[in-house]
Amino acid sequence: MQLKIIKRDSNSLVMEVDGEGHTLCNLLESVLLEDEDVEFASYSISHPLVAKPVITVRTKGNKSPEDALREAVRKILERGRMLREEFEKAFKSGK
């Protein structure tokens, strides 16, 4: 995975995520939209055979788009950890 900043200003960020697809981008978009400081979050993939989605994040001004992305990634990792722990509990209990 490689990230390329296409456009950046104080409240918005547009970046290309080379090597990823809908799975990661949709998850990231969903978690970004949970943030009350995020005004807009979306991604687009210009062609289905080219895995270079473009993610756009615009904040309301209380937080930078970079900070919103950092927080979203942190939440995703935490949720993944919690999911793994629940799987381990279920596997051990056999239920």
Protein backbone atom coordinates (compact mmCIF):
# COMPACT_ATOMS: atom_id res chain seq x y z
CA MET A 1 0.00 0.00 0.00
CA GLN A 2 1.26 3.45 -0.89
CA LEU A 3 -0.38 6.77 -0.12
CA LYS A 4 -0.10 9.79 -2.36
CA ILE A 5 -1.44 13.20 -1.31
CA ILE A 6 -3.25 14.75 -4.25
CA LYS A 7 -4.60 17.89 -2.56
CA ARG A 8 -4.38 19.27 0.95
CA ASP A 9 -5.56 22.37 2.76
CA SER A 10 -6.51 23.15 6.35
CA ASN A 11 -9.91 21.40 6.23
CA SER A 12 -9.64 18.93 3.37
CA LEU A 13 -7.44 16.15 2.13
CA VAL A 14 -7.57 14.13 -1.07
CA MET A 15 -5.27 11.13 -1.31
CA GLU A 16 -4.74 8.09 -3.48
CA VAL A 17 -4.39 4.70 -1.81
CA ASP A 18 -2.50 2.48 -4.22
CA GLY A 19 -3.12 -1.24 -3.83
CA GLU A 20 -6.37 -1.16 -1.85
CA GLY A 21 -9.99 -1.57 -2.80
CA HIS A 22 -13.53 -1.23 -1.54
CA THR A 23 -13.01 -3.27 1.63
CA LEU A 24 -10.57 -0.94 3.36
CA CYS A 25 -11.89 2.27 1.83
CA ASN A 26 -15.52 1.57 2.75
CA LEU A 27 -14.53 0.76 6.32
CA LEU A 28 -12.43 3.93 6.57
CA GLU A 29 -15.22 6.05 5.09
CA SER A 30 -17.76 4.62 7.55
CA VAL A 31 -15.60 5.27 10.60
CA LEU A 32 -14.72 8.79 9.40
CA LEU A 33 -18.41 9.61 9.06
CA GLU A 34 -18.97 8.65 12.71
CA ASP A 35 -16.80 11.64 13.69
CA GLU A 36 -18.88 14.75 14.38
CA ASP A 37 -15.95 16.93 13.23
CA VAL A 38 -15.96 15.32 9.77
CA GLU A 39 -18.20 17.16 7.33
CA PHE A 40 -17.61 14.87 4.35
CA ALA A 41 -15.82 11.58 3.73
CA SER A 42 -15.94 9.54 0.57
CA TYR A 43 -13.87 7.46 -1.80
CA SER A 44 -14.00 6.67 -5.48
CA ILE A 45 -12.40 4.07 -7.67
CA SER A 46 -12.14 5.30 -11.25
CA HIS A 47 -11.81 1.86 -12.82
CA PRO A 48 -12.52 -1.57 -11.29
CA LEU A 49 -9.31 -3.08 -12.69
CA VAL A 50 -7.07 -0.39 -11.23
CA ALA A 51 -6.74 -0.54 -7.44
CA LYS A 52 -6.04 3.16 -6.83
CA PRO A 53 -8.97 4.52 -4.85
CA VAL A 54 -9.07 8.22 -4.05
CA ILE A 55 -10.23 9.15 -0.53
CA THR A 56 -11.59 12.62 0.22
CA VAL A 57 -11.99 13.94 3.78
CA ARG A 58 -13.31 17.37 4.72
CA THR A 59 -13.58 18.52 8.33
CA LYS A 60 -15.61 21.31 9.91
CA GLY A 61 -12.50 23.12 11.10
CA ASN A 62 -12.24 21.81 14.67
CA LYS A 63 -9.88 19.04 13.58
CA SER A 64 -7.49 18.58 10.69
CA PRO A 65 -8.33 15.90 8.12
CA GLU A 66 -5.04 14.20 9.01
CA ASP A 67 -6.10 13.99 12.67
CA ALA A 68 -9.52 12.67 11.64
CA LEU A 69 -7.83 9.95 9.59
CA ARG A 70 -5.46 9.05 12.43
CA GLU A 71 -8.39 8.76 14.83
CA ALA A 72 -10.40 6.64 12.37
CA VAL A 73 -7.48 4.25 11.87
CA ARG A 74 -7.02 4.00 15.64
CA LYS A 75 -10.72 3.13 16.04
CA ILE A 76 -10.51 0.51 13.29
CA LEU A 77 -7.51 -1.13 14.93
CA GLU A 78 -9.21 -1.10 18.34
CA ARG A 79 -12.37 -2.66 16.93
CA GLY A 80 -10.29 -5.31 15.20
CA ARG A 81 -8.55 -6.11 18.49
CA MET A 82 -11.91 -6.38 20.26
CA LEU A 83 -13.26 -8.64 17.51
CA ARG A 84 -10.22 -10.91 17.77
CA GLU A 85 -10.66 -11.15 21.56
CA GLU A 86 -14.34 -12.08 21.17
CA PHE A 87 -13.45 -14.75 18.61
CA GLU A 88 -10.85 -16.19 20.99
CA LYS A 89 -13.39 -16.30 23.84
CA ALA A 90 -15.93 -18.04 21.63
CA PHE A 91 -13.39 -20.55 20.34
CA LYS A 92 -12.26 -21.41 23.88
CA SER A 93 -15.76 -21.80 25.23
CA GLY A 94 -16.94 -23.81 22.26
CA LYS A 95 -20.24 -21.93 22.14
